[in-house]
Structures are given as structure tokens and as C-alpha cells.
Amino acid sequence: QVQLAESGGGWVQPGGSLRLSCAASGSVSGMLPMYWYRQAPGKQREWVASVTAIGTATYADSVKDRFTVSRENAKSTMYLSMNNLKPEDTAVYYCNTYYRSTTYWGQGTQVTVSS
């Protein structure tokens, strides 16, 4: 069983920065690949970034060079540092992982980018 909890969302002006956190609980959480997704109003949920257990990161083209995903296994926490935010980054951001054929989601955290 894995539980995920996101935090760090909020409102920011275009060009601003935010850092999201995803705290994971469960004995295996530090060994699992972890993912960030987002869902904008009226749109499907989309993948944003991934980080493996050893810290290898991959990104969607839309956020590459602006977002950085990282993790601290000792704290069972994943982060998403978001820079140069754009209005189109406005969405609810979710963290995700899977273990033994079960997919786990957090409750999401709202990010709003507007002037």
C-alpha cells in the first residue's frame, strides 16, 4: 500500500516559480519510479515528468528546460521545481506511482498562473 500527498501549489504570475512536493508513505515507496501529471480544466490528464528510484529524470516537451523533477528517498519525497511558469501551466498537479499492478494517485494540488 502506498499513499501520496502533494503540496506546494498556489497562484503565481507568468514567469514566476513554484516548487511542488509529493510525500509518499509505505515501506517500498523509496524504490518506486514516481511521476508528475497535470490536468487543466476541460482537458485530459497529461504526463509531465518522471523520476526513477536512482534519480533519472524525463520530461514532457512542454516543460523541458523549465521544470526539474527530483527526489529524496530518505524522506520519501519527490519534488517538481517549476520555473518560467506560463498561463498554460495552470492545472491540478498530481503525483503518481505504481506497485504490484496497482496505480496510486495523490489528491492533487492546484497551480494557477495568471496576471
C-alpha atoms as a PDB file:
ATOM      1  CA  GLN A   1       0.000   0.000   0.000  1.00  0.00           C
ATOM      2  CA  VAL A   2       1.319   3.428  -0.980  1.00  0.00           C
ATOM      3  CA  GLN A   3      -0.156   6.793  -0.071  1.00  0.00           C
ATOM      4  CA  LEU A   4       0.777  10.023  -1.833  1.00  0.00           C
ATOM      5  CA  ALA A   5       0.204  13.615  -0.750  1.00  0.00           C
ATOM      6  CA  GLU A   6       1.029  16.673  -2.843  1.00  0.00           C
ATOM      7  CA  SER A   7       1.650  20.182  -1.535  1.00  0.00           C
ATOM      8  CA  GLY A   8       3.110  23.490  -2.661  1.00  0.00           C
ATOM      9  CA  GLY A   9       0.590  24.659  -5.223  1.00  0.00           C
ATOM     10  CA  GLY A  10      -0.720  28.195  -5.409  1.00  0.00           C
ATOM     11  CA  TRP A  11      -1.062  31.289  -7.555  1.00  0.00           C
ATOM     12  CA  VAL A  12       1.885  32.816  -9.373  1.00  0.00           C
ATOM     13  CA  GLN A  13       2.338  35.407 -12.078  1.00  0.00           C
ATOM     14  CA  PRO A  14       3.680  34.418 -15.508  1.00  0.00           C
ATOM     15  CA  GLY A  15       7.432  33.982 -15.352  1.00  0.00           C
ATOM     16  CA  GLY A  16       7.296  33.031 -11.695  1.00  0.00           C
ATOM     17  CA  SER A  17       8.345  29.859  -9.909  1.00  0.00           C
ATOM     18  CA  LEU A  18       6.845  27.251  -7.612  1.00  0.00           C
ATOM     19  CA  ARG A  19       8.068  24.026  -6.063  1.00  0.00           C
ATOM     20  CA  LEU A  20       5.684  21.138  -5.553  1.00  0.00           C
ATOM     21  CA  SER A  21       6.275  18.274  -3.142  1.00  0.00           C
ATOM     22  CA  CYS A  22       4.891  14.753  -3.090  1.00  0.00           C
ATOM     23  CA  ALA A  23       5.270  12.863   0.163  1.00  0.00           C
ATOM     24  CA  ALA A  24       4.968   9.097  -0.143  1.00  0.00           C
ATOM     25  CA  SER A  25       4.281   6.616   2.621  1.00  0.00           C
ATOM     26  CA  GLY A  26       4.729   2.872   2.548  1.00  0.00           C
ATOM     27  CA  SER A  27       7.712   0.592   3.034  1.00  0.00           C
ATOM     28  CA  VAL A  28       8.596   0.378  -0.669  1.00  0.00           C
ATOM     29  CA  SER A  29       7.961   3.988  -1.662  1.00  0.00           C
ATOM     30  CA  GLY A  30      11.660   4.834  -1.872  1.00  0.00           C
ATOM     31  CA  MET A  31      12.217   2.135  -4.507  1.00  0.00           C
ATOM     32  CA  LEU A  32       9.421   3.058  -6.888  1.00  0.00           C
ATOM     33  CA  PRO A  33       9.504   5.209 -10.007  1.00  0.00           C
ATOM     34  CA  MET A  34       7.425   8.313  -9.482  1.00  0.00           C
ATOM     35  CA  TYR A  35       5.575  10.582 -11.859  1.00  0.00           C
ATOM     36  CA  TRP A  36       4.007  14.024 -12.077  1.00  0.00           C
ATOM     37  CA  TYR A  37       0.832  14.513 -14.081  1.00  0.00           C
ATOM     38  CA  ARG A  38      -1.404  17.527 -14.525  1.00  0.00           C
ATOM     39  CA  GLN A  39      -4.965  18.173 -15.590  1.00  0.00           C
ATOM     40  CA  ALA A  40      -6.167  21.522 -16.867  1.00  0.00           C
ATOM     41  CA  PRO A  41      -9.871  22.430 -16.875  1.00  0.00           C
ATOM     42  CA  GLY A  42     -11.665  20.658 -19.709  1.00  0.00           C
ATOM     43  CA  LYS A  43      -8.591  18.672 -20.722  1.00  0.00           C
ATOM     44  CA  GLN A  44      -7.336  15.162 -20.191  1.00  0.00           C
ATOM     45  CA  ARG A  45      -4.733  14.417 -17.572  1.00  0.00           C
ATOM     46  CA  GLU A  46      -1.261  14.541 -19.098  1.00  0.00           C
ATOM     47  CA  TRP A  47       2.143  13.271 -18.027  1.00  0.00           C
ATOM     48  CA  VAL A  48       4.628  15.977 -17.019  1.00  0.00           C
ATOM     49  CA  ALA A  49       7.766  14.314 -15.661  1.00  0.00           C
ATOM     50  CA  SER A  50       9.160  11.091 -14.235  1.00  0.00           C
ATOM     51  CA  VAL A  51      11.985  10.151 -11.903  1.00  0.00           C
ATOM     52  CA  THR A  52      13.347   6.664 -11.314  1.00  0.00           C
ATOM     53  CA  ALA A  53      14.406   5.299  -7.939  1.00  0.00           C
ATOM     54  CA  ILE A  54      18.003   6.327  -8.686  1.00  0.00           C
ATOM     55  CA  GLY A  55      17.049   9.813  -9.862  1.00  0.00           C
ATOM     56  CA  THR A  56      16.980   9.543 -13.644  1.00  0.00           C
ATOM     57  CA  ALA A  57      14.527  12.164 -14.886  1.00  0.00           C
ATOM     58  CA  THR A  58      12.479  12.533 -18.057  1.00  0.00           C
ATOM     59  CA  TYR A  59      10.169  15.367 -19.125  1.00  0.00           C
ATOM     60  CA  ALA A  60       7.344  16.202 -21.462  1.00  0.00           C
ATOM     61  CA  ASP A  61       8.448  18.526 -24.250  1.00  0.00           C
ATOM     62  CA  SER A  62       6.126  21.254 -22.978  1.00  0.00           C
ATOM     63  CA  VAL A  63       8.032  21.589 -19.692  1.00  0.00           C
ATOM     64  CA  LYS A  64      11.562  20.591 -20.666  1.00  0.00           C
ATOM     65  CA  ASP A  65      14.156  23.209 -19.664  1.00  0.00           C
ATOM     66  CA  ARG A  66      11.650  24.866 -17.290  1.00  0.00           C
ATOM     67  CA  PHE A  67      10.738  22.113 -14.812  1.00  0.00           C
ATOM     68  CA  THR A  68      13.058  19.920 -12.737  1.00  0.00           C
ATOM     69  CA  VAL A  69      11.949  16.721 -11.031  1.00  0.00           C
ATOM     70  CA  SER A  70      13.966  15.301  -8.125  1.00  0.00           C
ATOM     71  CA  ARG A  71      13.548  13.055  -5.117  1.00  0.00           C
ATOM     72  CA  GLU A  72      14.927  12.470  -1.656  1.00  0.00           C
ATOM     73  CA  ASN A  73      14.490   8.769  -0.922  1.00  0.00           C
ATOM     74  CA  ALA A  74      15.442   9.231   2.730  1.00  0.00           C
ATOM     75  CA  LYS A  75      12.393  11.478   3.092  1.00  0.00           C
ATOM     76  CA  SER A  76      10.251   9.500   0.628  1.00  0.00           C
ATOM     77  CA  THR A  77       9.557  12.770  -1.132  1.00  0.00           C
ATOM     78  CA  MET A  78       9.535  13.831  -4.768  1.00  0.00           C
ATOM     79  CA  TYR A  79       9.744  17.426  -5.914  1.00  0.00           C
ATOM     80  CA  LEU A  80       8.840  19.398  -9.018  1.00  0.00           C
ATOM     81  CA  SER A  81      10.615  22.747  -9.348  1.00  0.00           C
ATOM     82  CA  MET A  82       8.801  24.874 -11.901  1.00  0.00           C
ATOM     83  CA  ASN A  83      10.391  27.981 -13.381  1.00  0.00           C
ATOM     84  CA  ASN A  84       9.282  30.470 -16.023  1.00  0.00           C
ATOM     85  CA  LEU A  85       5.680  29.426 -15.480  1.00  0.00           C
ATOM     86  CA  LYS A  86       3.171  30.156 -18.217  1.00  0.00           C
ATOM     87  CA  PRO A  87      -0.621  30.509 -18.104  1.00  0.00           C
ATOM     88  CA  GLU A  88      -0.878  27.189 -19.954  1.00  0.00           C
ATOM     89  CA  ASP A  89       0.789  25.513 -16.960  1.00  0.00           C
ATOM     90  CA  THR A  90      -2.376  26.197 -14.942  1.00  0.00           C
ATOM     91  CA  ALA A  91      -3.711  22.821 -13.802  1.00  0.00           C
ATOM     92  CA  VAL A  92      -4.159  20.475 -10.891  1.00  0.00           C
ATOM     93  CA  TYR A  93      -0.862  18.637 -10.445  1.00  0.00           C
ATOM     94  CA  TYR A  94      -0.876  15.018  -9.289  1.00  0.00           C
ATOM     95  CA  CYS A  95       1.865  12.647  -8.262  1.00  0.00           C
ATOM     96  CA  ASN A  96       1.616   9.014  -9.217  1.00  0.00           C
ATOM     97  CA  THR A  97       3.350   5.708  -8.776  1.00  0.00           C
ATOM     98  CA  TYR A  98       2.546   2.045  -9.200  1.00  0.00           C
ATOM     99  CA  TYR A  99       3.373  -1.082  -7.215  1.00  0.00           C
ATOM    100  CA  ARG A 100       2.341  -4.688  -7.807  1.00  0.00           C
ATOM    101  CA  SER A 101      -0.028  -3.744 -10.646  1.00  0.00           C
ATOM    102  CA  THR A 102      -1.765  -1.058  -8.600  1.00  0.00           C
ATOM    103  CA  THR A 103      -1.628   2.596  -9.565  1.00  0.00           C
ATOM    104  CA  TYR A 104      -1.635   5.198  -6.815  1.00  0.00           C
ATOM    105  CA  TRP A 105      -2.556   8.875  -7.064  1.00  0.00           C
ATOM    106  CA  GLY A 106      -2.372  11.780  -4.689  1.00  0.00           C
ATOM    107  CA  GLN A 107      -5.251  14.190  -4.183  1.00  0.00           C
ATOM    108  CA  GLY A 108      -3.647  16.885  -6.354  1.00  0.00           C
ATOM    109  CA  THR A 109      -2.527  20.455  -5.788  1.00  0.00           C
ATOM    110  CA  GLN A 110      -3.763  23.443  -7.788  1.00  0.00           C
ATOM    111  CA  VAL A 111      -1.306  25.620  -9.700  1.00  0.00           C
ATOM    112  CA  THR A 112      -2.666  28.836 -11.184  1.00  0.00           C
ATOM    113  CA  VAL A 113      -0.529  31.064 -13.417  1.00  0.00           C
ATOM    114  CA  SER A 114      -2.110  34.397 -14.242  1.00  0.00           C
ATOM    115  CA  SER A 115      -1.515  38.106 -14.063  1.00  0.00           C
END
